C-alpha atoms as a PDB file:
ATOM      1  CA  UNK A   1     -61.957 112.161-135.985  1.00  0.00           C
ATOM      2  CA  UNK A   2     -60.872 113.395-139.391  1.00  0.00           C
ATOM      3  CA  UNK A   3     -61.450 111.487-142.605  1.00  0.00           C
ATOM      4  CA  UNK A   4     -57.720 110.877-142.987  1.00  0.00           C
ATOM      5  CA  UNK A   5     -57.467 109.457-139.464  1.00  0.00           C
ATOM      6  CA  UNK A   6     -60.441 107.194-140.117  1.00  0.00           C
ATOM      7  CA  UNK A   7     -58.901 105.939-143.363  1.00  0.00           C
ATOM      8  CA  UNK A   8     -55.587 105.196-141.655  1.00  0.00           C
ATOM      9  CA  UNK A   9     -57.325 103.345-138.810  1.00  0.00           C
ATOM     10  CA  UNK A  10     -59.286 101.253-141.335  1.00  0.00           C
ATOM     11  CA  UNK A  11     -56.046 100.485-143.189  1.00  0.00           C
ATOM     12  CA  UNK A  12     -54.361  99.379-139.939  1.00  0.00           C
ATOM     13  CA  UNK A  13     -57.220  96.967-139.233  1.00  0.00           C
ATOM     14  CA  UNK A  14     -56.968  95.322-142.639  1.00  0.00           C
ATOM     15  CA  UNK A  15     -53.392  95.411-143.935  1.00  0.00           C
ATOM     16  CA  UNK A  16     -54.331  93.741-147.235  1.00  0.00           C
ATOM     17  CA  UNK A  17     -57.045  96.238-148.118  1.00  0.00           C
ATOM     18  CA  UNK A  18     -56.318  98.597-150.969  1.00  0.00           C
ATOM     19  CA  UNK A  19     -56.789 102.277-150.273  1.00  0.00           C
ATOM     20  CA  UNK A  20     -58.775 104.139-152.879  1.00  0.00           C
ATOM     21  CA  UNK A  21     -58.300 107.877-153.058  1.00  0.00           C
ATOM     22  CA  UNK A  22     -60.390 110.028-155.334  1.00  0.00           C
ATOM     23  CA  UNK A  23     -58.838 112.537-157.681  1.00  0.00           C
ATOM     24  CA  UNK A  24     -60.318 115.465-155.743  1.00  0.00           C
ATOM     25  CA  UNK A  25     -58.890 114.128-152.472  1.00  0.00           C
ATOM     26  CA  UNK A  26     -55.525 113.526-154.095  1.00  0.00           C
ATOM     27  CA  UNK A  27     -55.485 117.063-155.473  1.00  0.00           C
ATOM     28  CA  UNK A  28     -56.372 118.445-152.029  1.00  0.00           C
ATOM     29  CA  UNK A  29     -53.529 116.469-150.433  1.00  0.00           C
ATOM     30  CA  UNK A  30     -51.133 117.679-153.120  1.00  0.00           C
ATOM     31  CA  UNK A  31     -52.152 121.305-152.608  1.00  0.00           C
ATOM     32  CA  UNK A  32     -51.851 121.017-148.838  1.00  0.00           C
ATOM     33  CA  UNK A  33     -48.414 119.435-148.954  1.00  0.00           C
ATOM     34  CA  UNK A  34     -47.209 121.927-151.551  1.00  0.00           C
ATOM     35  CA  UNK A  35     -48.389 124.815-149.362  1.00  0.00           C
ATOM     36  CA  UNK A  36     -46.640 123.325-146.332  1.00  0.00           C
ATOM     37  CA  UNK A  37     -43.353 122.958-148.219  1.00  0.00           C
ATOM     38  CA  UNK A  38     -43.501 126.486-149.639  1.00  0.00           C
ATOM     39  CA  UNK A  39     -44.232 127.940-146.189  1.00  0.00           C
ATOM     40  CA  UNK A  40     -41.412 125.926-144.610  1.00  0.00           C
ATOM     41  CA  UNK A  41     -38.990 127.100-147.291  1.00  0.00           C
ATOM     42  CA  UNK A  42     -39.995 130.671-146.496  1.00  0.00           C
ATOM     43  CA  UNK A  43     -39.439 130.026-142.792  1.00  0.00           C
ATOM     44  CA  UNK A  44     -36.047 128.429-143.522  1.00  0.00           C
ATOM     45  CA  UNK A  45     -35.074 131.459-145.598  1.00  0.00           C
ATOM     46  CA  UNK A  46     -35.932 133.745-142.683  1.00  0.00           C
ATOM     47  CA  UNK A  47     -33.904 131.537-140.321  1.00  0.00           C
ATOM     48  CA  UNK A  48     -30.886 131.701-142.633  1.00  0.00           C
ATOM     49  CA  UNK A  49     -31.273 135.477-142.922  1.00  0.00           C
ATOM     50  CA  UNK A  50     -31.430 135.761-139.127  1.00  0.00           C
ATOM     51  CA  UNK A  51     -28.148 133.812-138.965  1.00  0.00           C
ATOM     52  CA  UNK A  52     -26.608 136.364-141.394  1.00  0.00           C
ATOM     53  CA  UNK A  53     -26.417 133.838-144.224  1.00  0.00           C
ATOM     54  CA  UNK A  54     -27.708 133.963-147.774  1.00  0.00           C
ATOM     55  CA  UNK A  55     -27.750 130.198-148.202  1.00  0.00           C
ATOM     56  CA  UNK A  56     -30.438 127.970-146.688  1.00  0.00           C
ATOM     57  CA  UNK A  57     -28.859 124.962-145.008  1.00  0.00           C
ATOM     58  CA  UNK A  58     -30.388 121.641-144.050  1.00  0.00           C
ATOM     59  CA  UNK A  59     -30.446 122.652-140.402  1.00  0.00           C
ATOM     60  CA  UNK A  60     -32.569 125.678-141.343  1.00  0.00           C
ATOM     61  CA  UNK A  61     -35.143 123.419-143.002  1.00  0.00           C
ATOM     62  CA  UNK A  62     -35.155 121.047-140.038  1.00  0.00           C
ATOM     63  CA  UNK A  63     -35.763 123.910-137.627  1.00  0.00           C
ATOM     64  CA  UNK A  64     -38.538 125.305-139.847  1.00  0.00           C
ATOM     65  CA  UNK A  65     -40.262 121.903-140.095  1.00  0.00           C
ATOM     66  CA  UNK A  66     -39.945 121.294-136.332  1.00  0.00           C
ATOM     67  CA  UNK A  67     -41.347 124.729-135.529  1.00  0.00           C
ATOM     68  CA  UNK A  68     -44.267 124.277-137.897  1.00  0.00           C
ATOM     69  CA  UNK A  69     -44.910 120.754-136.595  1.00  0.00           C
ATOM     70  CA  UNK A  70     -45.114 122.052-133.022  1.00  0.00           C
ATOM     71  CA  UNK A  71     -47.520 124.774-134.124  1.00  0.00           C
ATOM     72  CA  UNK A  72     -49.731 122.263-135.924  1.00  0.00           C
ATOM     73  CA  UNK A  73     -49.651 119.851-132.979  1.00  0.00           C
ATOM     74  CA  UNK A  74     -50.583 122.524-130.453  1.00  0.00           C
ATOM     75  CA  UNK A  75     -53.385 123.852-132.680  1.00  0.00           C
ATOM     76  CA  UNK A  76     -54.740 120.337-133.170  1.00  0.00           C
ATOM     77  CA  UNK A  77     -54.706 119.562-129.453  1.00  0.00           C
ATOM     78  CA  UNK A  78     -56.382 122.915-128.692  1.00  0.00           C
ATOM     79  CA  UNK A  79     -59.139 122.101-131.211  1.00  0.00           C
ATOM     80  CA  UNK A  80     -59.600 118.636-129.706  1.00  0.00           C
ATOM     81  CA  UNK A  81     -60.026 120.104-126.224  1.00  0.00           C
ATOM     82  CA  UNK A  82     -62.805 122.417-127.475  1.00  0.00           C
ATOM     83  CA  UNK A  83     -64.878 119.448-128.675  1.00  0.00           C
END
């Protein structure tokens, strides 16, 4: 189980508990989320280009996020099966 999953489970058990996140962990989360958004914007741009458009629409972003989410989910489940 990952550290994030463990923290979320602990938070669920005690709703009143404050979550403390270190600056290094916060920076890592920020970098990860920023990378995800940049990659999804690139994917959405490719989707718009494939549709012969120059403008990225909301539906392009939704498709890019869904596609990336499926890829992440399948990779995570494949890693869990190896353990």
